[in-house]
Structure formats: C-alpha cells, structure tokens
C-alpha cells in the first residue's frame, strides 16, 4: 500500500480509538509515524546510490513508482541492502520482539506500535509475490503472502473508496469522547 494510505488508515484507527480511550496528540502522531515508517528505510540504499554512486533521480523515481515487473535495475549490493531493510521493517517477528521488549520495559503496550502493526497487516494482503511481498515471517523466511498488488489501478480505487467510506462513517457517527485523561 502507498505511504499516504497507510497514514490515512492509521489515522482512522486513531480516530476510532479516541471514541473509547484517551489518545494524546503525541501518541496519535507517533502512531501515524510508525504506520508509514516501514516504507522508508529500504529507500536509503537506493537514495545513497543515487547521491553517491551512479544512480539517477530518474532511477529513484522509477523505483518508487514502478509497477510489478518494471522496477529499474539496481546494483546488486543496493538491491541486497534494500531488500533486507524491507524484510526487517515488514516482519511480524521483528515487530513482535520489539513489542515484547517495549512491554517488558514499560509494563504495558506502547500504543504507537499499533501503527507499525497496521502497516504489516495491511501490506501482507496488498503486496503481490511479483512486487515486494511482505515477508512477515522474516528472518525465518523471506516468502510473503501473494496478495493483490496495491498499485494496480483497481486496487488503488477500491482502497481510496474504502478510506472515503471509513472517514465518512467516522464523521457521521462522531460524538463527544467518553474519557478523561490522555495517554
């Protein structure tokens, strides 16, 4: 799924949660940040290749906007680093370990991690085997579920229609929050 849609789905989740529990602006912002963060680290090697190597801005744009099977060729080391960073940030095992460590440290669930978890769950079903399948069991396996490529036109249309419906529903069913203090 595209970065904007990840932020919008996380935002809808935060708005829904605010109806039942207090959610501070800081927690909401961190949740949104963690919902988009998994799609950023794997771009670092590609941007580095563009800035410090033989890559071009056109190659970076081509990579960011590629449809399945039409990604630009990357040097093997850039491809290797980018792939493994993608695997790390889309792994339920890695997210689970970090969630457990934070739970042990804070003695409760750190709510912003739900943004990361939403990213992983959504990407499992919105990435095809041809285009960055989400390796949610990495490092055990790099295999991912063969979902629907999010960047096919009909999938984008359905996703944004569902987002519009979700936000319309949130707006039409809004009411005063039933909580006292923010987390």
N, C-alpha and C. Protein backbone atom coordinates (compact mmCIF):
# COMPACT_ATOMS: atom_id res chain seq x y z
N UNK A 1 0.85 -1.17 0.00
CA UNK A 1 0.00 0.00 0.00
C UNK A 1 0.89 1.23 0.00
N UNK A 2 0.38 2.30 -0.54
CA UNK A 2 1.18 3.52 -0.59
C UNK A 2 1.25 4.18 0.79
N UNK A 3 2.25 5.01 0.96
CA UNK A 3 2.52 5.63 2.26
C UNK A 3 1.35 6.47 2.75
N UNK A 4 0.76 7.26 1.86
CA UNK A 4 -0.37 8.10 2.25
C UNK A 4 -1.52 7.25 2.79
N UNK A 5 -1.83 6.16 2.11
CA UNK A 5 -2.93 5.29 2.55
C UNK A 5 -2.63 4.67 3.91
N UNK A 6 -1.37 4.29 4.15
CA UNK A 6 -1.01 3.77 5.48
C UNK A 6 -1.31 4.82 6.55
N UNK A 7 -0.94 6.06 6.28
CA UNK A 7 -1.19 7.13 7.25
C UNK A 7 -2.69 7.34 7.45
N UNK A 8 -3.44 7.32 6.35
CA UNK A 8 -4.88 7.54 6.46
C UNK A 8 -5.58 6.41 7.22
N UNK A 9 -5.19 5.15 6.98
CA UNK A 9 -5.80 4.04 7.72
C UNK A 9 -5.44 4.13 9.20
N UNK A 10 -4.19 4.45 9.50
CA UNK A 10 -3.79 4.60 10.91
C UNK A 10 -4.55 5.75 11.55
N UNK A 11 -4.73 6.83 10.79
CA UNK A 11 -5.49 7.97 11.31
C UNK A 11 -6.93 7.59 11.62
N UNK A 12 -7.53 6.79 10.75
CA UNK A 12 -8.89 6.31 11.01
C UNK A 12 -8.93 5.45 12.27
N UNK A 13 -7.90 4.62 12.44
CA UNK A 13 -7.82 3.79 13.64
C UNK A 13 -7.69 4.63 14.90
N UNK A 14 -6.86 5.66 14.84
CA UNK A 14 -6.70 6.56 15.99
C UNK A 14 -8.03 7.26 16.29
N UNK A 15 -8.70 7.75 15.25
CA UNK A 15 -9.98 8.43 15.47
C UNK A 15 -11.01 7.49 16.10
N UNK A 16 -11.03 6.25 15.67
CA UNK A 16 -11.95 5.27 16.24
C UNK A 16 -11.57 4.98 17.70
N UNK A 17 -10.27 4.82 17.96
CA UNK A 17 -9.82 4.55 19.33
C UNK A 17 -10.16 5.70 20.27
N UNK A 18 -10.08 6.93 19.77
CA UNK A 18 -10.36 8.11 20.59
C UNK A 18 -11.80 8.13 21.09
N UNK A 19 -12.65 7.38 20.46
CA UNK A 19 -14.05 7.32 20.90
C UNK A 19 -14.19 6.52 22.19
N UNK A 20 -13.23 5.67 22.44
CA UNK A 20 -13.33 4.78 23.61
C UNK A 20 -12.26 5.06 24.67
N UNK A 21 -11.07 5.44 24.22
CA UNK A 21 -9.95 5.67 25.13
C UNK A 21 -9.34 7.03 24.88
N UNK A 22 -8.70 7.58 25.88
CA UNK A 22 -7.99 8.84 25.64
C UNK A 22 -6.72 8.59 24.81
N UNK A 23 -6.52 9.39 23.79
CA UNK A 23 -5.32 9.29 22.95
C UNK A 23 -4.74 10.70 22.84
N UNK A 24 -3.54 10.86 23.36
CA UNK A 24 -2.91 12.18 23.32
C UNK A 24 -2.48 12.52 21.90
N UNK A 25 -2.33 13.79 21.59
CA UNK A 25 -1.82 14.17 20.26
C UNK A 25 -0.45 13.55 19.97
N UNK A 26 0.40 13.44 20.99
CA UNK A 26 1.73 12.83 20.81
C UNK A 26 1.60 11.36 20.42
N UNK A 27 0.73 10.63 21.12
CA UNK A 27 0.52 9.22 20.81
C UNK A 27 -0.05 9.06 19.40
N UNK A 28 -1.00 9.92 19.04
CA UNK A 28 -1.59 9.86 17.70
C UNK A 28 -0.51 10.12 16.64
N UNK A 29 0.32 11.13 16.86
CA UNK A 29 1.37 11.45 15.88
C UNK A 29 2.39 10.32 15.76
N UNK A 30 2.78 9.74 16.88
CA UNK A 30 3.74 8.62 16.84
C UNK A 30 3.13 7.40 16.16
N UNK A 31 1.86 7.16 16.37
CA UNK A 31 1.18 6.04 15.72
C UNK A 31 1.17 6.22 14.21
N UNK A 32 0.86 7.44 13.76
CA UNK A 32 0.89 7.72 12.32
C UNK A 32 2.30 7.59 11.76
N UNK A 33 3.29 8.09 12.51
CA UNK A 33 4.69 8.00 12.05
C UNK A 33 5.11 6.54 11.90
N UNK A 34 4.75 5.70 12.86
CA UNK A 34 5.13 4.29 12.77
C UNK A 34 4.33 3.54 11.72
N UNK A 35 3.19 4.07 11.33
CA UNK A 35 2.42 3.45 10.25
C UNK A 35 3.07 3.66 8.89
N UNK A 36 3.80 4.74 8.73
CA UNK A 36 4.47 4.99 7.44
C UNK A 36 5.95 4.61 7.47
N UNK A 37 6.54 4.53 8.64
CA UNK A 37 7.98 4.30 8.77
C UNK A 37 8.51 3.04 8.07
N UNK A 38 7.81 1.91 8.07
CA UNK A 38 8.39 0.72 7.43
C UNK A 38 8.71 0.87 5.96
N UNK A 39 8.10 1.83 5.29
CA UNK A 39 8.37 2.00 3.85
C UNK A 39 9.54 2.94 3.57
N UNK A 40 10.19 3.45 4.59
CA UNK A 40 11.26 4.41 4.36
C UNK A 40 12.67 3.84 4.41
N UNK A 41 13.05 2.98 5.37
CA UNK A 41 14.44 2.53 5.45
C UNK A 41 14.97 1.85 4.19
N UNK A 42 14.13 1.08 3.50
CA UNK A 42 14.64 0.37 2.32
C UNK A 42 14.95 1.32 1.16
N UNK A 43 14.52 2.57 1.26
CA UNK A 43 14.86 3.55 0.23
C UNK A 43 16.24 4.16 0.45
N UNK A 44 16.79 4.04 1.65
CA UNK A 44 18.08 4.66 1.97
C UNK A 44 19.20 4.16 1.05
N UNK A 45 19.37 2.84 0.84
CA UNK A 45 20.43 2.42 -0.09
C UNK A 45 20.23 2.94 -1.52
N UNK A 46 18.99 3.03 -1.95
CA UNK A 46 18.70 3.50 -3.30
C UNK A 46 19.02 4.99 -3.42
N UNK A 47 18.63 5.75 -2.41
CA UNK A 47 18.94 7.18 -2.41
C UNK A 47 20.45 7.40 -2.31
N UNK A 48 21.12 6.58 -1.48
CA UNK A 48 22.59 6.67 -1.37
C UNK A 48 23.27 6.39 -2.70
N UNK A 49 22.79 5.39 -3.41
CA UNK A 49 23.33 5.04 -4.73
C UNK A 49 23.11 6.21 -5.69
N UNK A 50 21.96 6.86 -5.57
CA UNK A 50 21.66 7.99 -6.44
C UNK A 50 22.54 9.20 -6.14
N UNK A 51 22.77 9.45 -4.86
CA UNK A 51 23.54 10.63 -4.47
C UNK A 51 25.05 10.40 -4.60
N UNK A 52 25.52 9.23 -4.14
CA UNK A 52 26.95 8.98 -4.07
C UNK A 52 27.49 8.03 -5.12
N UNK A 53 26.61 7.44 -5.91
CA UNK A 53 27.06 6.47 -6.91
C UNK A 53 26.62 6.86 -8.30
N UNK A 54 26.33 5.85 -9.10
CA UNK A 54 25.96 6.06 -10.49
C UNK A 54 24.46 6.20 -10.71
N UNK A 55 23.70 6.15 -9.63
CA UNK A 55 22.24 6.23 -9.78
C UNK A 55 21.78 7.62 -10.16
N UNK A 56 20.56 7.69 -10.62
CA UNK A 56 19.98 8.98 -11.03
C UNK A 56 18.67 9.20 -10.29
N UNK A 57 18.25 10.44 -10.28
CA UNK A 57 16.94 10.75 -9.69
C UNK A 57 15.84 10.04 -10.45
N UNK A 58 16.00 9.89 -11.74
CA UNK A 58 15.01 9.19 -12.56
C UNK A 58 14.90 7.72 -12.15
N UNK A 59 16.03 7.10 -11.81
CA UNK A 59 16.02 5.71 -11.37
C UNK A 59 15.30 5.57 -10.03
N UNK A 60 15.54 6.53 -9.13
CA UNK A 60 14.86 6.51 -7.83
C UNK A 60 13.36 6.68 -8.04
N UNK A 61 12.97 7.64 -8.87
CA UNK A 61 11.54 7.85 -9.16
C UNK A 61 10.95 6.61 -9.84
N UNK A 62 11.71 6.01 -10.74
CA UNK A 62 11.24 4.81 -11.41
C UNK A 62 11.04 3.66 -10.44
N UNK A 63 11.92 3.57 -9.46
CA UNK A 63 11.80 2.54 -8.43
C UNK A 63 10.57 2.81 -7.56
N UNK A 64 10.40 4.04 -7.12
CA UNK A 64 9.29 4.39 -6.23
C UNK A 64 7.94 4.22 -6.91
N UNK A 65 7.88 4.40 -8.21
CA UNK A 65 6.60 4.36 -8.93
C UNK A 65 6.45 3.14 -9.82
N UNK A 66 7.34 2.18 -9.70
CA UNK A 66 7.31 1.02 -10.59
C UNK A 66 6.08 0.17 -10.36
N UNK A 67 5.62 -0.45 -11.42
CA UNK A 67 4.58 -1.46 -11.30
C UNK A 67 5.27 -2.81 -11.34
N UNK A 68 4.62 -3.87 -10.86
CA UNK A 68 5.28 -5.18 -10.79
C UNK A 68 5.96 -5.57 -12.10
N UNK A 69 7.21 -5.99 -11.96
CA UNK A 69 7.98 -6.45 -13.10
C UNK A 69 8.65 -5.34 -13.89
N UNK A 70 8.44 -4.08 -13.53
CA UNK A 70 9.04 -2.98 -14.27
C UNK A 70 9.93 -2.11 -13.40
N UNK A 71 10.45 -2.67 -12.31
CA UNK A 71 11.37 -1.94 -11.46
C UNK A 71 12.69 -1.73 -12.19
N UNK A 72 13.34 -0.59 -11.99
CA UNK A 72 14.64 -0.38 -12.65
C UNK A 72 15.70 -1.30 -12.06
N UNK A 73 16.71 -1.61 -12.85
CA UNK A 73 17.80 -2.44 -12.37
C UNK A 73 18.62 -1.66 -11.35
N UNK A 74 19.00 -2.33 -10.28
CA UNK A 74 19.81 -1.73 -9.23
C UNK A 74 21.10 -2.53 -9.09
N UNK A 75 22.18 -1.89 -8.66
CA UNK A 75 23.39 -2.67 -8.37
C UNK A 75 23.09 -3.74 -7.33
N UNK A 76 23.79 -4.85 -7.40
CA UNK A 76 23.47 -5.99 -6.53
C UNK A 76 23.53 -5.64 -5.05
N UNK A 77 24.52 -4.85 -4.61
CA UNK A 77 24.62 -4.51 -3.18
C UNK A 77 23.46 -3.60 -2.77
N UNK A 78 23.08 -2.67 -3.62
CA UNK A 78 21.95 -1.78 -3.32
C UNK A 78 20.68 -2.61 -3.22
N UNK A 79 20.49 -3.52 -4.16
CA UNK A 79 19.32 -4.41 -4.15
C UNK A 79 19.31 -5.26 -2.87
N UNK A 80 20.45 -5.83 -2.50
CA UNK A 80 20.57 -6.67 -1.31
C UNK A 80 20.20 -5.88 -0.05
N UNK A 81 20.81 -4.71 0.13
CA UNK A 81 20.53 -3.89 1.32
C UNK A 81 19.08 -3.44 1.35
N UNK A 82 18.58 -2.98 0.23
CA UNK A 82 17.20 -2.51 0.17
C UNK A 82 16.23 -3.64 0.50
N UNK A 83 16.48 -4.80 -0.07
CA UNK A 83 15.59 -5.94 0.17
C UNK A 83 15.56 -6.33 1.64
N UNK A 84 16.73 -6.43 2.27
CA UNK A 84 16.77 -6.86 3.67
C UNK A 84 16.23 -5.81 4.62
N UNK A 85 16.40 -4.54 4.30
CA UNK A 85 15.78 -3.50 5.12
C UNK A 85 14.25 -3.58 4.99
N UNK A 86 13.76 -3.85 3.79
CA UNK A 86 12.32 -4.04 3.59
C UNK A 86 11.84 -5.23 4.42
N UNK A 87 12.58 -6.32 4.39
CA UNK A 87 12.21 -7.51 5.15
C UNK A 87 12.16 -7.22 6.65
N UNK A 88 13.17 -6.54 7.15
CA UNK A 88 13.23 -6.21 8.59
C UNK A 88 12.03 -5.38 9.03
N UNK A 89 11.67 -4.38 8.25
CA UNK A 89 10.62 -3.46 8.68
C UNK A 89 9.21 -4.00 8.42
N UNK A 90 9.10 -5.10 7.69
CA UNK A 90 7.80 -5.69 7.40
C UNK A 90 7.62 -7.05 8.07
N UNK A 91 8.45 -7.37 9.04
CA UNK A 91 8.42 -8.67 9.71
C UNK A 91 7.61 -8.61 11.00
N UNK A 92 6.63 -9.49 11.10
CA UNK A 92 5.86 -9.60 12.34
C UNK A 92 6.74 -10.14 13.46
N UNK A 93 7.74 -10.93 13.12
CA UNK A 93 8.64 -11.46 14.14
C UNK A 93 9.47 -10.33 14.74
N UNK A 94 10.04 -9.47 13.90
CA UNK A 94 10.82 -8.33 14.38
C UNK A 94 9.92 -7.38 15.17
N UNK A 95 8.74 -7.08 14.63
CA UNK A 95 7.81 -6.19 15.34
C UNK A 95 7.37 -6.83 16.66
N UNK A 96 7.19 -8.14 16.66
CA UNK A 96 6.79 -8.84 17.88
C UNK A 96 7.86 -8.77 18.95
N UNK A 97 9.11 -8.98 18.56
CA UNK A 97 10.21 -8.89 19.52
C UNK A 97 10.29 -7.48 20.10
N UNK A 98 10.20 -6.48 19.24
CA UNK A 98 10.25 -5.10 19.73
C UNK A 98 9.05 -4.77 20.62
N UNK A 99 7.89 -5.28 20.26
CA UNK A 99 6.69 -5.06 21.08
C UNK A 99 6.87 -5.69 22.46
N UNK A 100 7.40 -6.90 22.51
CA UNK A 100 7.63 -7.57 23.79
C UNK A 100 8.69 -6.83 24.63
N UNK A 101 9.75 -6.35 23.97
CA UNK A 101 10.77 -5.59 24.71
C UNK A 101 10.19 -4.30 25.29
N UNK A 102 9.37 -3.61 24.50
CA UNK A 102 8.74 -2.39 24.99
C UNK A 102 7.76 -2.71 26.12
N UNK A 103 7.04 -3.81 25.99
CA UNK A 103 6.10 -4.22 27.03
C UNK A 103 6.86 -4.49 28.34
N UNK A 104 7.98 -5.20 28.23
CA UNK A 104 8.78 -5.50 29.42
C UNK A 104 9.32 -4.22 30.05
N UNK A 105 9.70 -3.27 29.24
CA UNK A 105 10.27 -2.02 29.75
C UNK A 105 9.19 -1.12 30.36
N UNK A 106 8.08 -0.94 29.63
CA UNK A 106 7.02 -0.03 30.07
C UNK A 106 5.96 -0.68 30.95
N UNK A 107 5.93 -1.99 30.95
CA UNK A 107 4.91 -2.77 31.67
C UNK A 107 3.51 -2.57 31.10
N UNK A 108 3.45 -2.17 29.85
CA UNK A 108 2.18 -2.05 29.13
C UNK A 108 2.49 -1.94 27.63
N UNK A 109 1.45 -2.05 26.85
CA UNK A 109 1.61 -1.93 25.40
C UNK A 109 1.91 -0.47 25.05
N UNK A 110 2.94 -0.26 24.25
CA UNK A 110 3.23 1.08 23.76
C UNK A 110 2.35 1.28 22.53
N UNK A 111 1.29 2.04 22.68
CA UNK A 111 0.24 2.20 21.68
C UNK A 111 0.75 2.57 20.27
N UNK A 112 1.75 3.47 20.12
CA UNK A 112 2.19 3.79 18.76
C UNK A 112 2.66 2.60 17.94
N UNK A 113 3.06 1.52 18.59
CA UNK A 113 3.46 0.33 17.83
C UNK A 113 2.31 -0.24 17.00
N UNK A 114 1.08 0.10 17.37
CA UNK A 114 -0.06 -0.36 16.58
C UNK A 114 -0.02 0.21 15.17
N UNK A 115 0.60 1.37 14.99
CA UNK A 115 0.79 1.90 13.64
C UNK A 115 1.66 0.98 12.81
N UNK A 116 2.76 0.50 13.39
CA UNK A 116 3.65 -0.43 12.68
C UNK A 116 2.90 -1.73 12.37
N UNK A 117 2.19 -2.25 13.39
CA UNK A 117 1.44 -3.49 13.19
C UNK A 117 0.39 -3.32 12.08
N UNK A 118 -0.28 -2.16 12.04
CA UNK A 118 -1.28 -1.96 10.98
C UNK A 118 -0.60 -1.99 9.61
N UNK A 119 0.59 -1.42 9.52
CA UNK A 119 1.34 -1.41 8.26
C UNK A 119 1.62 -2.85 7.81
N UNK A 120 2.11 -3.66 8.72
CA UNK A 120 2.45 -5.05 8.38
C UNK A 120 1.20 -5.81 7.93
N UNK A 121 0.14 -5.72 8.70
CA UNK A 121 -1.08 -6.47 8.38
C UNK A 121 -1.65 -6.04 7.03
N UNK A 122 -1.71 -4.74 6.80
CA UNK A 122 -2.25 -4.25 5.51
C UNK A 122 -1.36 -4.71 4.36
N UNK A 123 -0.04 -4.61 4.52
CA UNK A 123 0.86 -4.97 3.42
C UNK A 123 0.86 -6.46 3.10
N UNK A 124 0.56 -7.30 4.07
CA UNK A 124 0.51 -8.74 3.79
C UNK A 124 -0.47 -9.00 2.65
N UNK A 125 -1.60 -8.29 2.66
CA UNK A 125 -2.65 -8.55 1.67
C UNK A 125 -2.59 -7.62 0.46
N UNK A 126 -1.79 -6.55 0.53
CA UNK A 126 -1.77 -5.59 -0.58
C UNK A 126 -0.43 -5.57 -1.32
N UNK A 127 0.32 -6.64 -1.20
CA UNK A 127 1.55 -6.80 -1.99
C UNK A 127 1.50 -8.17 -2.63
N UNK A 128 1.82 -8.22 -3.90
CA UNK A 128 1.80 -9.50 -4.61
C UNK A 128 3.19 -10.15 -4.57
N UNK A 129 3.25 -11.40 -4.93
CA UNK A 129 4.53 -12.11 -4.99
C UNK A 129 5.45 -11.47 -6.02
N UNK A 130 4.89 -10.75 -6.99
CA UNK A 130 5.68 -10.09 -8.03
C UNK A 130 6.24 -8.75 -7.60
N UNK A 131 5.70 -8.17 -6.52
CA UNK A 131 6.08 -6.80 -6.18
C UNK A 131 6.16 -6.65 -4.66
N UNK A 132 7.34 -6.83 -4.15
CA UNK A 132 7.60 -6.68 -2.72
C UNK A 132 6.60 -7.39 -1.83
N UNK A 133 6.53 -8.72 -1.91
CA UNK A 133 5.65 -9.42 -0.99
C UNK A 133 6.11 -9.14 0.45
N UNK A 134 5.17 -9.00 1.35
CA UNK A 134 5.54 -8.69 2.74
C UNK A 134 6.04 -9.95 3.43
N UNK A 135 7.33 -9.97 3.77
CA UNK A 135 7.94 -11.14 4.41
C UNK A 135 7.67 -11.12 5.91
N UNK A 136 6.41 -11.34 6.30
CA UNK A 136 6.01 -11.17 7.69
C UNK A 136 6.61 -12.21 8.63
N UNK A 137 7.24 -13.26 8.11
CA UNK A 137 7.92 -14.24 8.96
C UNK A 137 9.44 -14.15 8.84
N UNK A 138 9.95 -13.04 8.33
CA UNK A 138 11.40 -12.82 8.26
C UNK A 138 11.92 -12.69 9.68
N UNK A 139 13.03 -13.27 10.04
CA UNK A 139 14.09 -13.90 9.26
C UNK A 139 13.95 -15.40 9.06
N UNK A 140 12.84 -15.97 9.49
CA UNK A 140 12.64 -17.40 9.28
C UNK A 140 12.54 -17.69 7.78
N UNK A 141 11.80 -16.86 7.07
CA UNK A 141 11.67 -17.00 5.63
C UNK A 141 11.47 -15.63 5.01
N UNK A 142 11.89 -15.50 3.76
CA UNK A 142 11.67 -14.25 3.03
C UNK A 142 10.42 -14.35 2.17
N UNK A 143 9.73 -15.49 2.24
CA UNK A 143 8.49 -15.67 1.49
C UNK A 143 7.43 -14.74 2.05
N UNK A 144 6.55 -14.30 1.20
CA UNK A 144 5.43 -13.49 1.63
C UNK A 144 4.15 -14.03 1.04
N UNK A 145 3.05 -13.57 1.54
CA UNK A 145 1.75 -13.93 1.04
C UNK A 145 1.56 -13.27 -0.33
N UNK A 146 1.00 -14.00 -1.26
CA UNK A 146 0.76 -13.46 -2.60
C UNK A 146 -0.58 -12.75 -2.62
N UNK A 147 -0.56 -11.50 -2.23
CA UNK A 147 -1.79 -10.70 -2.20
C UNK A 147 -1.99 -9.96 -3.51
N UNK A 148 -2.76 -8.91 -3.46
CA UNK A 148 -3.05 -8.08 -4.62
C UNK A 148 -2.09 -6.90 -4.61
N UNK A 149 -1.45 -6.64 -5.73
CA UNK A 149 -0.52 -5.50 -5.81
C UNK A 149 -1.31 -4.21 -5.60
N UNK A 150 -0.93 -3.47 -4.57
CA UNK A 150 -1.66 -2.26 -4.18
C UNK A 150 -1.67 -1.21 -5.28
N UNK A 151 -0.66 -1.22 -6.15
CA UNK A 151 -0.55 -0.15 -7.14
C UNK A 151 -1.22 -0.47 -8.47
N UNK A 152 -2.03 -1.51 -8.51
CA UNK A 152 -2.85 -1.71 -9.71
C UNK A 152 -4.02 -0.71 -9.61
N UNK A 153 -4.42 -0.13 -10.73
CA UNK A 153 -5.42 0.93 -10.68
C UNK A 153 -6.71 0.56 -9.93
N UNK A 154 -7.23 -0.64 -10.16
CA UNK A 154 -8.48 -1.01 -9.49
C UNK A 154 -8.28 -1.17 -7.99
N UNK A 155 -7.09 -1.64 -7.55
CA UNK A 155 -6.83 -1.79 -6.11
C UNK A 155 -6.71 -0.41 -5.45
N UNK A 156 -6.08 0.52 -6.14
CA UNK A 156 -5.98 1.89 -5.61
C UNK A 156 -7.38 2.49 -5.48
N UNK A 157 -8.21 2.30 -6.49
CA UNK A 157 -9.57 2.85 -6.46
C UNK A 157 -10.38 2.26 -5.30
N UNK A 158 -10.30 0.96 -5.11
CA UNK A 158 -11.03 0.30 -4.01
C UNK A 158 -10.50 0.79 -2.67
N UNK A 159 -9.18 0.89 -2.53
CA UNK A 159 -8.59 1.32 -1.27
C UNK A 159 -9.05 2.73 -0.90
N UNK A 160 -8.96 3.66 -1.84
CA UNK A 160 -9.34 5.04 -1.52
C UNK A 160 -10.85 5.20 -1.38
N UNK A 161 -11.63 4.37 -2.06
CA UNK A 161 -13.08 4.39 -1.84
C UNK A 161 -13.39 3.88 -0.43
N UNK A 162 -12.69 2.83 0.00
CA UNK A 162 -12.89 2.31 1.36
C UNK A 162 -12.45 3.35 2.40
N UNK A 163 -11.34 4.05 2.13
CA UNK A 163 -10.91 5.11 3.04
C UNK A 163 -11.95 6.22 3.11
N UNK A 164 -12.48 6.62 1.97
CA UNK A 164 -13.51 7.67 1.95
C UNK A 164 -14.74 7.21 2.74
N UNK A 165 -15.13 5.96 2.57
CA UNK A 165 -16.28 5.42 3.31
C UNK A 165 -15.99 5.38 4.81
N UNK A 166 -14.77 4.99 5.18
CA UNK A 166 -14.41 4.93 6.60
C UNK A 166 -14.44 6.32 7.23
N UNK A 167 -13.86 7.30 6.55
CA UNK A 167 -13.86 8.65 7.10
C UNK A 167 -15.26 9.26 7.10
N UNK A 168 -16.07 8.96 6.11
CA UNK A 168 -17.45 9.43 6.11
C UNK A 168 -18.21 8.83 7.29
N UNK A 169 -18.03 7.54 7.51
CA UNK A 169 -18.67 6.88 8.65
C UNK A 169 -18.19 7.50 9.96
N UNK A 170 -16.87 7.72 10.10
CA UNK A 170 -16.34 8.34 11.32
C UNK A 170 -16.94 9.73 11.53
N UNK A 171 -17.08 10.48 10.46
CA UNK A 171 -17.63 11.83 10.56
C UNK A 171 -19.12 11.79 10.92
N UNK A 172 -19.86 10.90 10.27
CA UNK A 172 -21.31 10.83 10.50
C UNK A 172 -21.65 10.27 11.87
N UNK A 173 -20.78 9.47 12.45
CA UNK A 173 -21.07 8.84 13.76
C UNK A 173 -20.28 9.48 14.88
N UNK A 174 -19.73 10.66 14.64
CA UNK A 174 -18.92 11.30 15.67
C UNK A 174 -19.79 11.70 16.85
N UNK A 175 -19.15 11.68 17.99
CA UNK A 175 -19.79 12.12 19.23
C UNK A 175 -18.70 12.53 20.19
N UNK A 176 -19.06 13.13 21.27
CA UNK A 176 -18.07 13.57 22.25
C UNK A 176 -17.35 12.36 22.84
N UNK A 177 -16.03 12.47 23.04
CA UNK A 177 -15.28 11.36 23.64
C UNK A 177 -15.78 11.06 25.06
N UNK A 178 -15.69 9.78 25.46
CA UNK A 178 -16.14 9.36 26.79
C UNK A 178 -14.98 9.09 27.72
N UNK A 179 -13.95 9.89 27.71
CA UNK A 179 -12.78 9.64 28.54
C UNK A 179 -12.34 10.92 29.21
N UNK A 180 -11.40 10.75 30.15
CA UNK A 180 -10.96 11.91 30.93
C UNK A 180 -9.53 12.33 30.63
N UNK A 181 -8.58 11.45 30.82
CA UNK A 181 -7.16 11.82 30.66
C UNK A 181 -6.60 11.18 29.40
N UNK A 182 -5.64 11.86 28.80
CA UNK A 182 -4.99 11.36 27.57
C UNK A 182 -3.80 10.48 27.92
N UNK A 183 -3.58 9.45 27.07
CA UNK A 183 -2.39 8.60 27.25
C UNK A 183 -1.21 9.17 26.51
